[in-house]
Amino acid sequence: MVALVETRRDITHFMVAFTQSALHSLTNQQLNAGNPSATRWPGGSLMAYVITSNCTKDELCVDACPVDCIHPKQDEPNFAEVEQLFVDPDNCIDCGACIPVCPTASIYIATDVPADLAAFVEKNAVYFKN
């Protein structure tokens, strides 16, 4: 059992490293240029993921993100003031690395946010307007 857990951890680390190196130079617009029905933030950027109310700010998603698009981090000034983390739509490359590491299932594909959590779409957008 221990070997299986270590193998899964190694695979996860490999996938994150691979994603970082392979996709680092791509932008959100390049990855989603052919998806005209994608959800967009106010202002036009494509929105890939939304973090919702169950977020515990444990930063596992921050560690998994290959392009550093989840904020605020513990070393950023407003970390203590906010109730959750947020995905920056201008830097997110839509890789999905954040979803499987979230222990509270707080991260949704933007088009799959449940109706009762829909207010978090705007909440995420407002965070990055400032």
C-alpha atoms as a PDB file:
ATOM      1  CA  MET A   1       0.000   0.000   0.000  1.00  0.00           C
ATOM      2  CA  VAL A   2       2.822   2.425   0.832  1.00  0.00           C
ATOM      3  CA  ALA A   3       4.417   1.759  -2.555  1.00  0.00           C
ATOM      4  CA  LEU A   4       1.117   2.599  -4.268  1.00  0.00           C
ATOM      5  CA  VAL A   5       0.811   5.903  -2.401  1.00  0.00           C
ATOM      6  CA  GLU A   6       4.402   6.822  -3.257  1.00  0.00           C
ATOM      7  CA  THR A   7       3.789   5.909  -6.899  1.00  0.00           C
ATOM      8  CA  ARG A   8       0.691   8.130  -7.048  1.00  0.00           C
ATOM      9  CA  ARG A   9       2.653  10.981  -5.463  1.00  0.00           C
ATOM     10  CA  ASP A  10       5.484  10.502  -7.970  1.00  0.00           C
ATOM     11  CA  ILE A  11       3.031  10.467 -10.871  1.00  0.00           C
ATOM     12  CA  THR A  12       1.359  13.643  -9.597  1.00  0.00           C
ATOM     13  CA  HIS A  13       4.702  15.418  -9.233  1.00  0.00           C
ATOM     14  CA  PHE A  14       5.709  14.279 -12.716  1.00  0.00           C
ATOM     15  CA  MET A  15       2.433  15.496 -14.214  1.00  0.00           C
ATOM     16  CA  VAL A  16       2.796  18.918 -12.582  1.00  0.00           C
ATOM     17  CA  ALA A  17       6.425  19.235 -13.721  1.00  0.00           C
ATOM     18  CA  PHE A  18       5.518  18.128 -17.236  1.00  0.00           C
ATOM     19  CA  THR A  19       2.644  20.581 -17.405  1.00  0.00           C
ATOM     20  CA  GLN A  20       4.875  23.383 -16.180  1.00  0.00           C
ATOM     21  CA  SER A  21       7.524  22.784 -18.793  1.00  0.00           C
ATOM     22  CA  ALA A  22       5.199  21.963 -21.686  1.00  0.00           C
ATOM     23  CA  LEU A  23       2.611  24.698 -21.191  1.00  0.00           C
ATOM     24  CA  HIS A  24       4.460  27.479 -19.418  1.00  0.00           C
ATOM     25  CA  SER A  25       4.658  29.718 -22.463  1.00  0.00           C
ATOM     26  CA  LEU A  26       1.062  29.251 -23.564  1.00  0.00           C
ATOM     27  CA  THR A  27      -1.555  31.788 -22.597  1.00  0.00           C
ATOM     28  CA  ASN A  28      -5.188  31.298 -21.750  1.00  0.00           C
ATOM     29  CA  GLN A  29      -6.186  32.842 -25.063  1.00  0.00           C
ATOM     30  CA  GLN A  30      -3.963  30.486 -27.079  1.00  0.00           C
ATOM     31  CA  LEU A  31      -5.328  27.384 -25.371  1.00  0.00           C
ATOM     32  CA  ASN A  32      -8.966  28.407 -25.689  1.00  0.00           C
ATOM     33  CA  ALA A  33      -8.964  30.320 -28.974  1.00  0.00           C
ATOM     34  CA  GLY A  34     -11.187  27.728 -30.651  1.00  0.00           C
ATOM     35  CA  ASN A  35     -13.792  27.654 -27.889  1.00  0.00           C
ATOM     36  CA  PRO A  36     -16.265  30.482 -28.571  1.00  0.00           C
ATOM     37  CA  SER A  37     -18.763  29.160 -26.006  1.00  0.00           C
ATOM     38  CA  ALA A  38     -16.303  29.321 -23.090  1.00  0.00           C
ATOM     39  CA  THR A  39     -17.435  31.245 -20.030  1.00  0.00           C
ATOM     40  CA  ARG A  40     -15.824  34.663 -19.903  1.00  0.00           C
ATOM     41  CA  TRP A  41     -14.960  37.002 -17.042  1.00  0.00           C
ATOM     42  CA  PRO A  42     -16.332  40.496 -17.253  1.00  0.00           C
ATOM     43  CA  GLY A  43     -13.777  42.156 -19.520  1.00  0.00           C
ATOM     44  CA  GLY A  44     -13.467  39.238 -21.907  1.00  0.00           C
ATOM     45  CA  SER A  45     -10.851  36.860 -20.468  1.00  0.00           C
ATOM     46  CA  LEU A  46     -11.753  33.212 -20.674  1.00  0.00           C
ATOM     47  CA  MET A  47     -12.704  31.735 -17.321  1.00  0.00           C
ATOM     48  CA  ALA A  48     -11.569  28.181 -16.748  1.00  0.00           C
ATOM     49  CA  TYR A  49     -12.141  27.483 -13.048  1.00  0.00           C
ATOM     50  CA  VAL A  50     -13.966  28.981 -10.088  1.00  0.00           C
ATOM     51  CA  ILE A  51     -13.132  28.405  -6.426  1.00  0.00           C
ATOM     52  CA  THR A  52     -16.153  28.373  -4.121  1.00  0.00           C
ATOM     53  CA  SER A  53     -17.153  28.625  -0.454  1.00  0.00           C
ATOM     54  CA  ASN A  54     -15.681  25.357   0.798  1.00  0.00           C
ATOM     55  CA  CYS A  55     -12.122  26.597   0.171  1.00  0.00           C
ATOM     56  CA  THR A  56      -9.901  26.123   3.234  1.00  0.00           C
ATOM     57  CA  LYS A  57      -6.926  28.061   1.811  1.00  0.00           C
ATOM     58  CA  ASP A  58      -4.668  25.030   2.353  1.00  0.00           C
ATOM     59  CA  GLU A  59      -2.746  25.979  -0.826  1.00  0.00           C
ATOM     60  CA  LEU A  60      -2.632  22.463  -2.292  1.00  0.00           C
ATOM     61  CA  CYS A  61      -4.045  23.923  -5.483  1.00  0.00           C
ATOM     62  CA  VAL A  62      -1.398  26.652  -5.416  1.00  0.00           C
ATOM     63  CA  ASP A  63       1.321  23.991  -5.229  1.00  0.00           C
ATOM     64  CA  ALA A  64      -0.246  22.020  -8.092  1.00  0.00           C
ATOM     65  CA  CYS A  65      -0.705  25.008 -10.402  1.00  0.00           C
ATOM     66  CA  PRO A  66       2.020  25.084 -13.062  1.00  0.00           C
ATOM     67  CA  VAL A  67       1.558  28.773 -13.872  1.00  0.00           C
ATOM     68  CA  ASP A  68       1.041  30.379 -10.445  1.00  0.00           C
ATOM     69  CA  CYS A  69      -2.473  31.657 -11.127  1.00  0.00           C
ATOM     70  CA  ILE A  70      -4.145  30.932  -7.776  1.00  0.00           C
ATOM     71  CA  HIS A  71      -4.064  33.773  -5.245  1.00  0.00           C
ATOM     72  CA  PRO A  72      -3.659  35.109  -2.668  1.00  0.00           C
ATOM     73  CA  LYS A  73      -0.868  33.012  -1.224  1.00  0.00           C
ATOM     74  CA  GLN A  74       0.138  33.018   2.438  1.00  0.00           C
ATOM     75  CA  ASP A  75       2.986  35.429   1.735  1.00  0.00           C
ATOM     76  CA  GLU A  76       0.697  37.956  -0.001  1.00  0.00           C
ATOM     77  CA  PRO A  77      -0.679  40.905   1.987  1.00  0.00           C
ATOM     78  CA  ASN A  78      -4.413  40.135   1.776  1.00  0.00           C
ATOM     79  CA  PHE A  79      -4.271  36.382   2.507  1.00  0.00           C
ATOM     80  CA  ALA A  80      -5.726  36.741   6.024  1.00  0.00           C
ATOM     81  CA  GLU A  81      -8.528  39.062   4.899  1.00  0.00           C
ATOM     82  CA  VAL A  82     -10.084  36.847   2.208  1.00  0.00           C
ATOM     83  CA  GLU A  83     -12.216  33.799   2.905  1.00  0.00           C
ATOM     84  CA  GLN A  84     -10.972  31.769  -0.068  1.00  0.00           C
ATOM     85  CA  LEU A  85      -8.453  31.568  -2.898  1.00  0.00           C
ATOM     86  CA  PHE A  86      -9.156  32.722  -6.456  1.00  0.00           C
ATOM     87  CA  VAL A  87      -8.131  31.657  -9.986  1.00  0.00           C
ATOM     88  CA  ASP A  88      -6.673  34.403 -12.186  1.00  0.00           C
ATOM     89  CA  PRO A  89      -8.391  34.025 -15.587  1.00  0.00           C
ATOM     90  CA  ASP A  90      -5.641  35.880 -17.435  1.00  0.00           C
ATOM     91  CA  ASN A  91      -2.951  33.427 -16.338  1.00  0.00           C
ATOM     92  CA  CYS A  92      -4.872  30.133 -15.995  1.00  0.00           C
ATOM     93  CA  ILE A  93      -4.008  27.709 -18.791  1.00  0.00           C
ATOM     94  CA  ASP A  94      -6.988  25.427 -18.162  1.00  0.00           C
ATOM     95  CA  CYS A  95      -4.836  22.411 -17.242  1.00  0.00           C
ATOM     96  CA  GLY A  96      -7.065  21.230 -14.376  1.00  0.00           C
ATOM     97  CA  ALA A  97      -4.190  20.403 -12.016  1.00  0.00           C
ATOM     98  CA  CYS A  98      -5.968  22.208  -9.171  1.00  0.00           C
ATOM     99  CA  ILE A  99      -9.142  20.120  -9.182  1.00  0.00           C
ATOM    100  CA  PRO A 100      -7.901  16.682  -8.054  1.00  0.00           C
ATOM    101  CA  VAL A 101      -5.744  18.074  -5.230  1.00  0.00           C
ATOM    102  CA  CYS A 102      -8.535  20.085  -3.589  1.00  0.00           C
ATOM    103  CA  PRO A 103      -9.586  18.141  -0.470  1.00  0.00           C
ATOM    104  CA  THR A 104     -12.893  20.015  -0.185  1.00  0.00           C
ATOM    105  CA  ALA A 105     -13.996  19.826  -3.845  1.00  0.00           C
ATOM    106  CA  SER A 106     -14.201  23.625  -3.933  1.00  0.00           C
ATOM    107  CA  ILE A 107     -12.935  24.076  -7.484  1.00  0.00           C
ATOM    108  CA  TYR A 108     -15.294  23.792 -10.435  1.00  0.00           C
ATOM    109  CA  ILE A 109     -14.963  24.126 -14.160  1.00  0.00           C
ATOM    110  CA  ALA A 110     -16.609  27.496 -14.741  1.00  0.00           C
ATOM    111  CA  THR A 111     -19.432  26.029 -16.808  1.00  0.00           C
ATOM    112  CA  ASP A 112     -20.145  23.405 -14.121  1.00  0.00           C
ATOM    113  CA  VAL A 113     -20.583  25.660 -11.081  1.00  0.00           C
ATOM    114  CA  PRO A 114     -23.802  24.548  -9.330  1.00  0.00           C
ATOM    115  CA  ALA A 115     -26.625  27.084  -9.306  1.00  0.00           C
ATOM    116  CA  ASP A 116     -26.427  27.528  -5.535  1.00  0.00           C
ATOM    117  CA  LEU A 117     -22.755  28.550  -5.877  1.00  0.00           C
ATOM    118  CA  ALA A 118     -23.154  30.768  -8.951  1.00  0.00           C
ATOM    119  CA  ALA A 119     -22.389  33.921  -6.940  1.00  0.00           C
ATOM    120  CA  PHE A 120     -18.780  32.725  -6.703  1.00  0.00           C
ATOM    121  CA  VAL A 121     -18.289  33.286 -10.428  1.00  0.00           C
ATOM    122  CA  GLU A 122     -18.735  37.021  -9.890  1.00  0.00           C
ATOM    123  CA  LYS A 123     -16.798  36.914  -6.609  1.00  0.00           C
ATOM    124  CA  ASN A 124     -13.788  35.431  -8.444  1.00  0.00           C
ATOM    125  CA  ALA A 125     -14.107  38.056 -11.198  1.00  0.00           C
ATOM    126  CA  VAL A 126     -14.277  40.945  -8.747  1.00  0.00           C
ATOM    127  CA  TYR A 127     -11.145  39.790  -6.920  1.00  0.00           C
ATOM    128  CA  PHE A 128      -9.000  40.197 -10.029  1.00  0.00           C
ATOM    129  CA  LYS A 129     -10.547  43.522 -11.107  1.00  0.00           C
ATOM    130  CA  ASN A 130      -8.768  45.267  -8.222  1.00  0.00           C
END
